[in-house]
Every structure is written in structure tokens, then in C-alpha cells.
PDB file of N, CA and C in Angstrom:
ATOM      1  N   UNK A   1      96.815  46.403 151.383  1.00  0.00           N
ATOM      2  CA  UNK A   1      97.274  47.275 152.425  1.00  0.00           C
ATOM      3  C   UNK A   1      98.332  46.554 153.251  1.00  0.00           C
ATOM      4  N   UNK A   2      99.334  47.288 153.642  1.00  0.00           N
ATOM      5  CA  UNK A   2     100.386  46.685 154.448  1.00  0.00           C
ATOM      6  C   UNK A   2      99.940  46.613 155.906  1.00  0.00           C
ATOM      7  N   UNK A   3     100.663  45.833 156.660  1.00  0.00           N
ATOM      8  CA  UNK A   3     100.309  45.638 158.067  1.00  0.00           C
ATOM      9  C   UNK A   3     100.495  46.930 158.864  1.00  0.00           C
ATOM     10  N   UNK A   4     101.548  47.688 158.545  1.00  0.00           N
ATOM     11  CA  UNK A   4     101.781  48.923 159.301  1.00  0.00           C
ATOM     12  C   UNK A   4     100.712  49.967 158.994  1.00  0.00           C
ATOM     13  N   UNK A   5     100.297  50.027 157.738  1.00  0.00           N
ATOM     14  CA  UNK A   5      99.252  50.992 157.393  1.00  0.00           C
ATOM     15  C   UNK A   5      97.910  50.602 158.023  1.00  0.00           C
ATOM     16  N   UNK A   6      97.624  49.333 158.033  1.00  0.00           N
ATOM     17  CA  UNK A   6      96.396  48.856 158.667  1.00  0.00           C
ATOM     18  C   UNK A   6      96.396  49.172 160.156  1.00  0.00           C
ATOM     19  N   UNK A   7      97.531  48.964 160.791  1.00  0.00           N
ATOM     20  CA  UNK A   7      97.635  49.256 162.225  1.00  0.00           C
ATOM     21  C   UNK A   7      97.490  50.748 162.499  1.00  0.00           C
ATOM     22  N   UNK A   8      98.095  51.566 161.662  1.00  0.00           N
ATOM     23  CA  UNK A   8      97.983  53.018 161.827  1.00  0.00           C
ATOM     24  C   UNK A   8      96.545  53.474 161.658  1.00  0.00           C
ATOM     25  N   UNK A   9      95.855  52.944 160.669  1.00  0.00           N
ATOM     26  CA  UNK A   9      94.451  53.296 160.475  1.00  0.00           C
ATOM     27  C   UNK A   9      93.579  52.825 161.635  1.00  0.00           C
ATOM     28  N   UNK A  10      93.890  51.671 162.193  1.00  0.00           N
ATOM     29  CA  UNK A  10      93.134  51.172 163.340  1.00  0.00           C
ATOM     30  C   UNK A  10      93.335  52.064 164.553  1.00  0.00           C
ATOM     31  N   UNK A  11      94.548  52.501 164.775  1.00  0.00           N
ATOM     32  CA  UNK A  11      94.832  53.398 165.904  1.00  0.00           C
ATOM     33  C   UNK A  11      94.131  54.732 165.695  1.00  0.00           C
ATOM     34  N   UNK A  12      94.213  55.279 164.496  1.00  0.00           N
ATOM     35  CA  UNK A  12      93.565  56.562 164.223  1.00  0.00           C
ATOM     36  C   UNK A  12      92.057  56.470 164.391  1.00  0.00           C
ATOM     37  N   UNK A  13      91.474  55.387 163.939  1.00  0.00           N
ATOM     38  CA  UNK A  13      90.035  55.194 164.100  1.00  0.00           C
ATOM     39  C   UNK A  13      89.651  55.088 165.562  1.00  0.00           C
ATOM     40  N   UNK A  14      90.434  54.375 166.346  1.00  0.00           N
ATOM     41  CA  UNK A  14      90.155  54.243 167.779  1.00  0.00           C
ATOM     42  C   UNK A  14      90.233  55.584 168.483  1.00  0.00           C
ATOM     43  N   UNK A  15      91.258  56.347 168.171  1.00  0.00           N
ATOM     44  CA  UNK A  15      91.430  57.654 168.813  1.00  0.00           C
ATOM     45  C   UNK A  15      90.292  58.591 168.419  1.00  0.00           C
ATOM     46  N   UNK A  16      89.959  58.643 167.147  1.00  0.00           N
ATOM     47  CA  UNK A  16      88.886  59.530 166.703  1.00  0.00           C
ATOM     48  C   UNK A  16      87.527  59.114 167.267  1.00  0.00           C
ATOM     49  N   UNK A  17      87.263  57.830 167.308  1.00  0.00           N
ATOM     50  CA  UNK A  17      85.980  57.362 167.835  1.00  0.00           C
ATOM     51  C   UNK A  17      85.862  57.661 169.323  1.00  0.00           C
ATOM     52  N   UNK A  18      86.942  57.533 170.056  1.00  0.00           N
ATOM     53  CA  UNK A  18      86.914  57.808 171.487  1.00  0.00           C
ATOM     54  C   UNK A  18      86.850  59.301 171.760  1.00  0.00           C
ATOM     55  N   UNK A  19      87.589  60.092 171.001  1.00  0.00           N
ATOM     56  CA  UNK A  19      87.611  61.544 171.232  1.00  0.00           C
ATOM     57  C   UNK A  19      86.341  62.215 170.742  1.00  0.00           C
ATOM     58  N   UNK A  20      85.635  61.599 169.818  1.00  0.00           N
ATOM     59  CA  UNK A  20      84.437  62.220 169.256  1.00  0.00           C
ATOM     60  C   UNK A  20      83.197  62.038 170.116  1.00  0.00           C
ATOM     61  N   UNK A  21      83.222  61.121 171.058  1.00  0.00           N
ATOM     62  CA  UNK A  21      82.021  60.820 171.854  1.00  0.00           C
ATOM     63  C   UNK A  21      81.509  62.017 172.662  1.00  0.00           C
ATOM     64  N   UNK A  22      82.304  62.695 173.477  1.00  0.00           N
ATOM     65  CA  UNK A  22      81.768  63.818 174.260  1.00  0.00           C
ATOM     66  C   UNK A  22      81.250  64.988 173.419  1.00  0.00           C
ATOM     67  N   UNK A  23      81.957  65.427 172.364  1.00  0.00           N
ATOM     68  CA  UNK A  23      81.397  66.519 171.563  1.00  0.00           C
ATOM     69  C   UNK A  23      80.076  66.163 170.879  1.00  0.00           C
ATOM     70  N   UNK A  24      79.965  64.926 170.400  1.00  0.00           N
ATOM     71  CA  UNK A  24      78.722  64.508 169.753  1.00  0.00           C
ATOM     72  C   UNK A  24      77.585  64.469 170.763  1.00  0.00           C
ATOM     73  N   UNK A  25      77.835  63.926 171.943  1.00  0.00           N
ATOM     74  CA  UNK A  25      76.803  63.887 172.983  1.00  0.00           C
ATOM     75  C   UNK A  25      76.405  65.290 173.434  1.00  0.00           C
ATOM     76  N   UNK A  26      77.367  66.181 173.550  1.00  0.00           N
ATOM     77  CA  UNK A  26      77.058  67.551 173.962  1.00  0.00           C
ATOM     78  C   UNK A  26      76.319  68.313 172.864  1.00  0.00           C
ATOM     79  N   UNK A  27      76.672  68.081 171.613  1.00  0.00           N
ATOM     80  CA  UNK A  27      76.025  68.791 170.500  1.00  0.00           C
ATOM     81  C   UNK A  27      74.588  68.345 170.294  1.00  0.00           C
ATOM     82  N   UNK A  28      74.289  67.107 170.590  1.00  0.00           N
ATOM     83  CA  UNK A  28      72.937  66.601 170.399  1.00  0.00           C
ATOM     84  C   UNK A  28      72.072  66.731 171.646  1.00  0.00           C
ATOM     85  N   UNK A  29      72.569  67.379 172.667  1.00  0.00           N
ATOM     86  CA  UNK A  29      71.872  67.558 173.947  1.00  0.00           C
ATOM     87  C   UNK A  29      71.497  66.237 174.601  1.00  0.00           C
ATOM     88  N   UNK A  30      72.245  65.200 174.297  1.00  0.00           N
ATOM     89  CA  UNK A  30      72.015  63.907 174.931  1.00  0.00           C
ATOM     90  C   UNK A  30      72.681  63.852 176.293  1.00  0.00           C
ATOM     91  N   UNK A  31      73.817  64.507 176.394  1.00  0.00           N
ATOM     92  CA  UNK A  31      74.605  64.468 177.623  1.00  0.00           C
ATOM     93  C   UNK A  31      74.589  65.853 178.235  1.00  0.00           C
ATOM     94  N   UNK A  32      73.932  65.965 179.362  1.00  0.00           N
ATOM     95  CA  UNK A  32      73.878  67.251 180.055  1.00  0.00           C
ATOM     96  C   UNK A  32      74.292  67.045 181.504  1.00  0.00           C
ATOM     97  N   UNK A  33      75.584  67.109 181.769  1.00  0.00           N
ATOM     98  CA  UNK A  33      76.024  66.878 183.144  1.00  0.00           C
ATOM     99  C   UNK A  33      75.531  67.996 184.060  1.00  0.00           C
ATOM    100  N   UNK A  34      75.139  67.629 185.252  1.00  0.00           N
ATOM    101  CA  UNK A  34      74.705  68.625 186.220  1.00  0.00           C
ATOM    102  C   UNK A  34      75.504  68.441 187.501  1.00  0.00           C
ATOM    103  N   UNK A  35      75.897  69.552 188.070  1.00  0.00           N
ATOM    104  CA  UNK A  35      76.647  69.506 189.316  1.00  0.00           C
ATOM    105  C   UNK A  35      75.680  69.503 190.486  1.00  0.00           C
ATOM    106  N   UNK A  36      75.960  68.703 191.496  1.00  0.00           N
ATOM    107  CA  UNK A  36      75.070  68.692 192.658  1.00  0.00           C
ATOM    108  C   UNK A  36      75.226  69.971 193.479  1.00  0.00           C
ATOM    109  N   UNK A  37      74.136  70.396 194.067  1.00  0.00           N
ATOM    110  CA  UNK A  37      74.184  71.573 194.934  1.00  0.00           C
ATOM    111  C   UNK A  37      74.704  71.153 196.304  1.00  0.00           C
ATOM    112  N   UNK A  38      74.958  72.133 197.153  1.00  0.00           N
ATOM    113  CA  UNK A  38      75.456  71.812 198.492  1.00  0.00           C
ATOM    114  C   UNK A  38      74.412  71.035 199.293  1.00  0.00           C
ATOM    115  N   UNK A  39      73.136  71.329 199.069  1.00  0.00           N
ATOM    116  CA  UNK A  39      72.084  70.566 199.751  1.00  0.00           C
ATOM    117  C   UNK A  39      72.070  69.111 199.303  1.00  0.00           C
ATOM    118  N   UNK A  40      72.288  68.879 198.006  1.00  0.00           N
ATOM    119  CA  UNK A  40      72.353  67.502 197.495  1.00  0.00           C
ATOM    120  C   UNK A  40      73.520  66.744 198.117  1.00  0.00           C
ATOM    121  N   UNK A  41      74.646  67.420 198.262  1.00  0.00           N
ATOM    122  CA  UNK A  41      75.827  66.776 198.854  1.00  0.00           C
ATOM    123  C   UNK A  41      75.558  66.438 200.316  1.00  0.00           C
ATOM    124  N   UNK A  42      74.909  67.339 201.035  1.00  0.00           N
ATOM    125  CA  UNK A  42      74.577  67.061 202.439  1.00  0.00           C
ATOM    126  C   UNK A  42      73.636  65.864 202.556  1.00  0.00           C
ATOM    127  N   UNK A  43      72.672  65.761 201.666  1.00  0.00           N
ATOM    128  CA  UNK A  43      71.739  64.631 201.688  1.00  0.00           C
ATOM    129  C   UNK A  43      72.468  63.324 201.381  1.00  0.00           C
ATOM    130  N   UNK A  44      73.424  63.366 200.438  1.00  0.00           N
ATOM    131  CA  UNK A  44      74.188  62.166 200.111  1.00  0.00           C
ATOM    132  C   UNK A  44      75.020  61.705 201.297  1.00  0.00           C
ATOM    133  N   UNK A  45      75.588  62.656 202.026  1.00  0.00           N
ATOM    134  CA  UNK A  45      76.397  62.302 203.185  1.00  0.00           C
ATOM    135  C   UNK A  45      75.519  61.750 204.303  1.00  0.00           C
ATOM    136  N   UNK A  46      74.327  62.310 204.460  1.00  0.00           N
ATOM    137  CA  UNK A  46      73.426  61.871 205.524  1.00  0.00           C
ATOM    138  C   UNK A  46      72.920  60.451 205.289  1.00  0.00           C
ATOM    139  N   UNK A  47      72.627  60.090 204.079  1.00  0.00           N
ATOM    140  CA  UNK A  47      72.176  58.720 203.774  1.00  0.00           C
ATOM    141  C   UNK A  47      73.161  58.110 202.784  1.00  0.00           C
ATOM    142  N   UNK A  48      74.188  57.440 203.298  1.00  0.00           N
ATOM    143  CA  UNK A  48      75.325  57.019 202.475  1.00  0.00           C
ATOM    144  C   UNK A  48      75.011  56.129 201.271  1.00  0.00           C
ATOM    145  N   UNK A  49      74.044  55.241 201.342  1.00  0.00           N
ATOM    146  CA  UNK A  49      73.818  54.332 200.217  1.00  0.00           C
ATOM    147  C   UNK A  49      72.517  54.636 199.477  1.00  0.00           C
ATOM    148  N   UNK A  50      72.249  55.886 199.227  1.00  0.00           N
ATOM    149  CA  UNK A  50      71.043  56.247 198.486  1.00  0.00           C
ATOM    150  C   UNK A  50      71.259  55.992 196.992  1.00  0.00           C
ATOM    151  N   UNK A  51      70.182  55.974 196.268  1.00  0.00           N
ATOM    152  CA  UNK A  51      70.269  55.743 194.819  1.00  0.00           C
ATOM    153  C   UNK A  51      71.001  56.894 194.126  1.00  0.00           C
ATOM    154  N   UNK A  52      70.831  58.092 194.641  1.00  0.00           N
ATOM    155  CA  UNK A  52      71.499  59.253 194.040  1.00  0.00           C
ATOM    156  C   UNK A  52      73.014  59.151 194.201  1.00  0.00           C
ATOM    157  N   UNK A  53      73.477  58.686 195.354  1.00  0.00           N
ATOM    158  CA  UNK A  53      74.913  58.528 195.575  1.00  0.00           C
ATOM    159  C   UNK A  53      75.483  57.441 194.677  1.00  0.00           C
ATOM    160  N   UNK A  54      74.794  56.332 194.569  1.00  0.00           N
ATOM    161  CA  UNK A  54      75.270  55.237 193.725  1.00  0.00           C
ATOM    162  C   UNK A  54      75.336  55.691 192.267  1.00  0.00           C
ATOM    163  N   UNK A  55      74.339  56.435 191.821  1.00  0.00           N
ATOM    164  CA  UNK A  55      74.331  56.951 190.453  1.00  0.00           C
ATOM    165  C   UNK A  55      75.499  57.909 190.229  1.00  0.00           C
ATOM    166  N   UNK A  56      75.751  58.769 191.208  1.00  0.00           N
ATOM    167  CA  UNK A  56      76.877  59.710 191.089  1.00  0.00           C
ATOM    168  C   UNK A  56      78.205  58.967 191.045  1.00  0.00           C
ATOM    169  N   UNK A  57      78.361  57.930 191.865  1.00  0.00           N
ATOM    170  CA  UNK A  57      79.602  57.155 191.863  1.00  0.00           C
ATOM    171  C   UNK A  57      79.798  56.403 190.554  1.00  0.00           C
ATOM    172  N   UNK A  58      78.730  55.856 190.003  1.00  0.00           N
ATOM    173  CA  UNK A  58      78.831  55.151 188.723  1.00  0.00           C
ATOM    174  C   UNK A  58      79.199  56.131 187.607  1.00  0.00           C
ATOM    175  N   UNK A  59      78.603  57.319 187.635  1.00  0.00           N
ATOM    176  CA  UNK A  59      78.952  58.343 186.642  1.00  0.00           C
ATOM    177  C   UNK A  59      80.395  58.783 186.758  1.00  0.00           C
ATOM    178  N   UNK A  60      80.870  58.974 188.001  1.00  0.00           N
ATOM    179  CA  UNK A  60      82.265  59.371 188.207  1.00  0.00           C
ATOM    180  C   UNK A  60      83.222  58.276 187.747  1.00  0.00           C
ATOM    181  N   UNK A  61      82.866  57.012 188.011  1.00  0.00           N
ATOM    182  CA  UNK A  61      83.706  55.903 187.566  1.00  0.00           C
ATOM    183  C   UNK A  61      83.732  55.815 186.042  1.00  0.00           C
ATOM    184  N   UNK A  62      82.594  56.063 185.403  1.00  0.00           N
ATOM    185  CA  UNK A  62      82.540  56.021 183.938  1.00  0.00           C
ATOM    186  C   UNK A  62      83.414  57.115 183.328  1.00  0.00           C
ATOM    187  N   UNK A  63      83.360  58.301 183.898  1.00  0.00           N
ATOM    188  CA  UNK A  63      84.194  59.396 183.394  1.00  0.00           C
ATOM    189  C   UNK A  63      85.669  59.085 183.616  1.00  0.00           C
ATOM    190  N   UNK A  64      86.014  58.549 184.781  1.00  0.00           N
ATOM    191  CA  UNK A  64      87.411  58.207 185.061  1.00  0.00           C
ATOM    192  C   UNK A  64      87.916  57.135 184.100  1.00  0.00           C
ATOM    193  N   UNK A  65      87.099  56.128 183.823  1.00  0.00           N
ATOM    194  CA  UNK A  65      87.507  55.085 182.883  1.00  0.00           C
ATOM    195  C   UNK A  65      87.627  55.623 181.461  1.00  0.00           C
ATOM    196  N   UNK A  66      86.736  56.536 181.071  1.00  0.00           N
ATOM    197  CA  UNK A  66      86.828  57.125 179.745  1.00  0.00           C
ATOM    198  C   UNK A  66      88.114  57.943 179.622  1.00  0.00           C
ATOM    199  N   UNK A  67      88.451  58.714 180.668  1.00  0.00           N
ATOM    200  CA  UNK A  67      89.698  59.490 180.633  1.00  0.00           C
ATOM    201  C   UNK A  67      90.922  58.580 180.568  1.00  0.00           C
ATOM    202  N   UNK A  68      90.878  57.476 181.289  1.00  0.00           N
ATOM    203  CA  UNK A  68      91.973  56.514 181.224  1.00  0.00           C
ATOM    204  C   UNK A  68      92.095  55.929 179.821  1.00  0.00           C
ATOM    205  N   UNK A  69      90.973  55.594 179.213  1.00  0.00           N
ATOM    206  CA  UNK A  69      90.984  55.041 177.857  1.00  0.00           C
ATOM    207  C   UNK A  69      91.545  56.035 176.857  1.00  0.00           C
ATOM    208  N   UNK A  70      91.076  57.275 176.892  1.00  0.00           N
ATOM    209  CA  UNK A  70      91.556  58.270 175.928  1.00  0.00           C
ATOM    210  C   UNK A  70      93.037  58.580 176.146  1.00  0.00           C
ATOM    211  N   UNK A  71      93.480  58.606 177.398  1.00  0.00           N
ATOM    212  CA  UNK A  71      94.898  58.836 177.677  1.00  0.00           C
ATOM    213  C   UNK A  71      95.750  57.692 177.136  1.00  0.00           C
ATOM    214  N   UNK A  72      95.293  56.473 177.329  1.00  0.00           N
ATOM    215  CA  UNK A  72      96.034  55.314 176.828  1.00  0.00           C
ATOM    216  C   UNK A  72      96.103  55.320 175.304  1.00  0.00           C
ATOM    217  N   UNK A  73      94.985  55.600 174.662  1.00  0.00           N
ATOM    218  CA  UNK A  73      94.979  55.620 173.198  1.00  0.00           C
ATOM    219  C   UNK A  73      95.862  56.730 172.638  1.00  0.00           C
ATOM    220  N   UNK A  74      95.786  57.912 173.218  1.00  0.00           N
ATOM    221  CA  UNK A  74      96.613  59.013 172.721  1.00  0.00           C
ATOM    222  C   UNK A  74      98.094  58.756 172.968  1.00  0.00           C
ATOM    223  N   UNK A  75      98.430  58.168 174.105  1.00  0.00           N
ATOM    224  CA  UNK A  75      99.823  57.834 174.381  1.00  0.00           C
ATOM    225  C   UNK A  75     100.339  56.797 173.402  1.00  0.00           C
ATOM    226  N   UNK A  76      99.529  55.794 173.131  1.00  0.00           N
ATOM    227  CA  UNK A  76      99.933  54.757 172.176  1.00  0.00           C
ATOM    228  C   UNK A  76     100.081  55.343 170.767  1.00  0.00           C
ATOM    229  N   UNK A  77      99.150  56.190 170.373  1.00  0.00           N
ATOM    230  CA  UNK A  77      99.237  56.807 169.040  1.00  0.00           C
ATOM    231  C   UNK A  77     100.469  57.698 168.935  1.00  0.00           C
ATOM    232  N   UNK A  78     100.746  58.477 169.978  1.00  0.00           N
ATOM    233  CA  UNK A  78     101.926  59.340 169.951  1.00  0.00           C
ATOM    234  C   UNK A  78     103.202  58.513 169.866  1.00  0.00           C
ATOM    235  N   UNK A  79     103.273  57.449 170.656  1.00  0.00           N
ATOM    236  CA  UNK A  79     104.468  56.599 170.642  1.00  0.00           C
ATOM    237  C   UNK A  79     104.667  55.971 169.269  1.00  0.00           C
ATOM    238  N   UNK A  80     103.590  55.497 168.678  1.00  0.00           N
ATOM    239  CA  UNK A  80     103.687  54.873 167.358  1.00  0.00           C
ATOM    240  C   UNK A  80     104.126  55.876 166.299  1.00  0.00           C
ATOM    241  N   UNK A  81     103.520  57.055 166.310  1.00  0.00           N
ATOM    242  CA  UNK A  81     103.894  58.069 165.322  1.00  0.00           C
ATOM    243  C   UNK A  81     105.318  58.573 165.537  1.00  0.00           C
ATOM    244  N   UNK A  82     105.718  58.741 166.777  1.00  0.00           N
ATOM    245  CA  UNK A  82     107.086  59.192 167.051  1.00  0.00           C
ATOM    246  C   UNK A  82     108.106  58.149 166.621  1.00  0.00           C
ATOM    247  N   UNK A  83     107.774  56.888 166.822  1.00  0.00           N
ATOM    248  CA  UNK A  83     108.687  55.822 166.414  1.00  0.00           C
ATOM    249  C   UNK A  83     108.827  55.774 164.899  1.00  0.00           C
ATOM    250  N   UNK A  84     107.738  56.036 164.198  1.00  0.00           N
ATOM    251  CA  UNK A  84     107.781  55.982 162.730  1.00  0.00           C
ATOM    252  C   UNK A  84     108.427  57.216 162.127  1.00  0.00           C
ATOM    253  N   UNK A  85     108.261  58.342 162.761  1.00  0.00           N
ATOM    254  CA  UNK A  85     108.828  59.577 162.212  1.00  0.00           C
ATOM    255  C   UNK A  85     110.343  59.569 162.319  1.00  0.00           C
ATOM    256  N   UNK A  86     110.827  59.166 163.457  1.00  0.00           N
ATOM    257  CA  UNK A  86     112.270  59.079 163.721  1.00  0.00           C
ATOM    258  C   UNK A  86     113.024  60.326 163.304  1.00  0.00           C
ATOM    259  N   UNK A  87     112.515  61.422 163.755  1.00  0.00           N
ATOM    260  CA  UNK A  87     113.200  62.672 163.483  1.00  0.00           C
ATOM    261  C   UNK A  87     114.356  62.798 164.456  1.00  0.00           C
ATOM    262  N   UNK A  88     115.522  62.872 163.915  1.00  0.00           N
ATOM    263  CA  UNK A  88     116.706  63.006 164.764  1.00  0.00           C
ATOM    264  C   UNK A  88     117.464  64.250 164.310  1.00  0.00           C
ATOM    265  N   UNK A  89     117.553  65.171 165.188  1.00  0.00           N
ATOM    266  CA  UNK A  89     118.268  66.403 164.892  1.00  0.00           C
ATOM    267  C   UNK A  89     119.677  66.270 165.406  1.00  0.00           C
ATOM    268  N   UNK A  90     120.622  66.498 164.534  1.00  0.00           N
ATOM    269  CA  UNK A  90     122.016  66.435 164.920  1.00  0.00           C
ATOM    270  C   UNK A  90     122.461  67.830 165.357  1.00  0.00           C
ATOM    271  N   UNK A  91     122.698  67.976 166.644  1.00  0.00           N
ATOM    272  CA  UNK A  91     123.156  69.253 167.181  1.00  0.00           C
ATOM    273  C   UNK A  91     124.666  69.191 167.302  1.00  0.00           C
ATOM    274  N   UNK A  92     125.310  70.118 166.644  1.00  0.00           N
ATOM    275  CA  UNK A  92     126.774  70.141 166.698  1.00  0.00           C
ATOM    276  C   UNK A  92     127.206  71.396 167.431  1.00  0.00           C
ATOM    277  N   UNK A  93     127.802  71.180 168.566  1.00  0.00           N
ATOM    278  CA  UNK A  93     128.279  72.289 169.359  1.00  0.00           C
ATOM    279  C   UNK A  93     129.764  72.525 169.087  1.00  0.00           C
ATOM    280  N   UNK A  94     130.157  73.782 169.095  1.00  0.00           N
ATOM    281  CA  UNK A  94     131.591  74.049 168.887  1.00  0.00           C
ATOM    282  C   UNK A  94     132.411  73.559 170.074  1.00  0.00           C
ATOM    283  N   UNK A  95     133.558  73.011 169.776  1.00  0.00           N
ATOM    284  CA  UNK A  95     134.428  72.509 170.847  1.00  0.00           C
ATOM    285  C   UNK A  95     135.411  73.513 171.305  1.00  0.00           C
TER     286      UNK A  95
END
């Protein structure tokens, strides 16, 4: 295998593995996100360092980091594929 093909396969595997995590978790009922009610939010504000607030912040940070990771991987994959495709359309306008 050539180095470019190996790199392309590595990028594709990374993107697929990262993008497949939420659908697999949702399909297997492992991941069931729940939104807090207004009463829960009031309780979190009233006692700022409760375990529920810390858990919510850790979950929000995990989701934000996952979104950053998937955005970075997709951007890198797009850049790599666009560089390799090198589609250049010659537009000729009448003078």
C-alpha cells in the first residue's frame, strides 16, 4: 500500500468511527439524553456546586469536545480530498 492510500484510509476510518458513535449509542438505548426541567435548573442555580450541576457541566463539556473533534476530522478529510481531486473548471467569458 502506498503512503497516500494508507493516510486516506486512516482518515476515513477516523471519520467513520467518530461519526458512528452517537447513532450506535442511540440505537442500543445506551445513550438517552434528558433535558432538565425548569425546577431542576432552579435547584442547580440555588446550590451552585451540587453533584447534578457538575455532572451536567461534564456532559456539556464532553459533547462540546466531541463536536470539536468531529468538525476537525471532517474539515481535514474535506481538505485532503479536495486537494487530491484538484478539479479546476476553466471558465471562459466572452471579451
